[in-house]
Each structure stands twice: as C-alpha cells, then as structure tokens.
Amino acid sequence: SSVEFLEKLAEISLPILRKDFIIDPLQIKYTASTPASAVLLIAKLFREKCEELVRLVDYSHLVGIEPVVEIYDKKELEI
C-alpha cells in the first residue's frame, strides 16, 4: 500500500507527500503517524461539498500535516 511505501522513505531527509485519494479526516490522522509531511487533497473530489475540503485543510494543519490542494480550473481555485 502507499502508506507502507511512506515508511520505507523514512530514511531520507526530504519532505514526503502522501499522494492518494484523501477524502476523510481519518486518512489525514493516519498520515500524521507516518514520515509523510504533506497530503494531497484533490479539489475535484469536493466540487459538490467544498466545505468538506476546507475542513480537511484545517484538520491537516491541526495534526501537523501540510495540505497540498490540487486544482484544475478557475472554479476549483474559487473553492
């Protein structure tokens, strides 16, 4: 799994991004217990529920993980 791969990267001293389909705060909480320093949040997954994307960004900061939000177009940027 991708999380096991993160554990293998623990030896390097570079930032690590968990690039997965993150849709739940539990995934972020789990990521915080790995060597990863950031999670990818794909705005397109939250087009109909932008408040959920905002909640995940806030939660990422709370647990010490940097959220990286991927956007594709202007509408997603506005979210």
C-alpha atoms as a PDB file:
ATOM      1  CA  SER A   1       0.000   0.000   0.000  1.00  0.00           C
ATOM      2  CA  SER A   2       1.059   3.612  -0.351  1.00  0.00           C
ATOM      3  CA  VAL A   3       1.332   4.022   3.413  1.00  0.00           C
ATOM      4  CA  GLU A   4       3.819   1.163   3.650  1.00  0.00           C
ATOM      5  CA  PHE A   5       5.845   2.898   0.960  1.00  0.00           C
ATOM      6  CA  LEU A   6       5.918   6.040   3.127  1.00  0.00           C
ATOM      7  CA  GLU A   7       7.505   4.028   5.924  1.00  0.00           C
ATOM      8  CA  LYS A   8      10.269   2.909   3.554  1.00  0.00           C
ATOM      9  CA  LEU A   9      11.032   6.563   2.792  1.00  0.00           C
ATOM     10  CA  ALA A  10      11.601   7.428   6.446  1.00  0.00           C
ATOM     11  CA  GLU A  11      15.364   7.256   5.959  1.00  0.00           C
ATOM     12  CA  ILE A  12      15.539  10.189   3.561  1.00  0.00           C
ATOM     13  CA  SER A  13      15.592  13.744   4.810  1.00  0.00           C
ATOM     14  CA  LEU A  14      13.292  15.270   2.213  1.00  0.00           C
ATOM     15  CA  PRO A  15       9.626  16.259   2.538  1.00  0.00           C
ATOM     16  CA  ILE A  16       7.283  13.387   1.672  1.00  0.00           C
ATOM     17  CA  LEU A  17       3.875  13.853   0.063  1.00  0.00           C
ATOM     18  CA  ARG A  18       1.165  11.234   0.508  1.00  0.00           C
ATOM     19  CA  LYS A  19      -0.391  11.272  -2.945  1.00  0.00           C
ATOM     20  CA  ASP A  20      -3.600   9.315  -2.544  1.00  0.00           C
ATOM     21  CA  PHE A  21      -7.339   9.880  -2.777  1.00  0.00           C
ATOM     22  CA  ILE A  22      -7.717  11.542   0.621  1.00  0.00           C
ATOM     23  CA  ILE A  23     -11.387  12.056   1.438  1.00  0.00           C
ATOM     24  CA  ASP A  24     -11.642  11.502   5.189  1.00  0.00           C
ATOM     25  CA  PRO A  25     -10.016  13.057   8.267  1.00  0.00           C
ATOM     26  CA  LEU A  26      -9.018   9.579   9.464  1.00  0.00           C
ATOM     27  CA  GLN A  27      -6.738   9.253   6.432  1.00  0.00           C
ATOM     28  CA  ILE A  28      -5.055  12.508   7.415  1.00  0.00           C
ATOM     29  CA  LYS A  29      -4.759  11.428  11.043  1.00  0.00           C
ATOM     30  CA  TYR A  30      -3.151   8.166   9.940  1.00  0.00           C
ATOM     31  CA  THR A  31      -0.799  10.025   7.607  1.00  0.00           C
ATOM     32  CA  ALA A  32       0.348  12.161  10.544  1.00  0.00           C
ATOM     33  CA  SER A  33       1.662   8.969  12.164  1.00  0.00           C
ATOM     34  CA  THR A  34       3.902   8.239   9.155  1.00  0.00           C
ATOM     35  CA  PRO A  35       7.033  10.024   7.924  1.00  0.00           C
ATOM     36  CA  ALA A  36       4.904  11.989   5.424  1.00  0.00           C
ATOM     37  CA  SER A  37       4.944  15.745   5.809  1.00  0.00           C
ATOM     38  CA  ALA A  38       2.091  16.561   3.402  1.00  0.00           C
ATOM     39  CA  VAL A  39      -1.105  15.144   1.912  1.00  0.00           C
ATOM     40  CA  LEU A  40      -2.600  15.747  -1.500  1.00  0.00           C
ATOM     41  CA  LEU A  41      -6.200  16.983  -1.496  1.00  0.00           C
ATOM     42  CA  ILE A  42      -7.804  16.940  -4.943  1.00  0.00           C
ATOM     43  CA  ALA A  43     -10.330  19.782  -5.224  1.00  0.00           C
ATOM     44  CA  LYS A  44     -12.303  17.995  -7.951  1.00  0.00           C
ATOM     45  CA  LEU A  45     -13.351  15.334  -5.430  1.00  0.00           C
ATOM     46  CA  PHE A  46     -15.093  18.035  -3.388  1.00  0.00           C
ATOM     47  CA  ARG A  47     -16.865  20.096  -6.077  1.00  0.00           C
ATOM     48  CA  GLU A  48     -20.276  19.465  -4.532  1.00  0.00           C
ATOM     49  CA  LYS A  49     -19.082  19.789  -0.935  1.00  0.00           C
ATOM     50  CA  CYS A  50     -16.439  22.496  -0.792  1.00  0.00           C
ATOM     51  CA  GLU A  51     -16.902  22.901   2.980  1.00  0.00           C
ATOM     52  CA  GLU A  52     -15.519  19.373   3.364  1.00  0.00           C
ATOM     53  CA  LEU A  53     -12.343  20.373   1.515  1.00  0.00           C
ATOM     54  CA  VAL A  54     -11.939  23.364   3.827  1.00  0.00           C
ATOM     55  CA  ARG A  55     -12.466  21.087   6.836  1.00  0.00           C
ATOM     56  CA  LEU A  56      -9.751  18.685   5.607  1.00  0.00           C
ATOM     57  CA  VAL A  57      -7.315  21.546   5.016  1.00  0.00           C
ATOM     58  CA  ASP A  58      -7.949  22.846   8.549  1.00  0.00           C
ATOM     59  CA  TYR A  59      -7.630  19.375  10.046  1.00  0.00           C
ATOM     60  CA  SER A  60      -4.346  18.800   8.212  1.00  0.00           C
ATOM     61  CA  HIS A  61      -2.904  21.906   9.822  1.00  0.00           C
ATOM     62  CA  LEU A  62      -4.228  20.819  13.211  1.00  0.00           C
ATOM     63  CA  VAL A  63      -2.363  17.491  13.096  1.00  0.00           C
ATOM     64  CA  GLY A  64       0.825  18.977  11.612  1.00  0.00           C
ATOM     65  CA  ILE A  65       0.482  17.810   8.011  1.00  0.00           C
ATOM     66  CA  GLU A  66       0.801  20.278   5.148  1.00  0.00           C
ATOM     67  CA  PRO A  67      -2.184  20.108   2.782  1.00  0.00           C
ATOM     68  CA  VAL A  68      -1.357  20.410  -0.911  1.00  0.00           C
ATOM     69  CA  VAL A  69      -4.550  21.218  -2.816  1.00  0.00           C
ATOM     70  CA  GLU A  70      -4.591  20.199  -6.478  1.00  0.00           C
ATOM     71  CA  ILE A  71      -6.797  22.354  -8.691  1.00  0.00           C
ATOM     72  CA  TYR A  72      -7.602  22.029 -12.368  1.00  0.00           C
ATOM     73  CA  ASP A  73      -9.611  25.105 -13.297  1.00  0.00           C
ATOM     74  CA  LYS A  74     -10.792  28.506 -12.081  1.00  0.00           C
ATOM     75  CA  LYS A  75     -13.897  27.083 -10.404  1.00  0.00           C
ATOM     76  CA  GLU A  76     -11.759  24.791  -8.274  1.00  0.00           C
ATOM     77  CA  LEU A  77      -9.496  27.727  -7.413  1.00  0.00           C
ATOM     78  CA  GLU A  78     -12.510  29.633  -6.096  1.00  0.00           C
ATOM     79  CA  ILE A  79     -13.355  26.751  -3.763  1.00  0.00           C
END
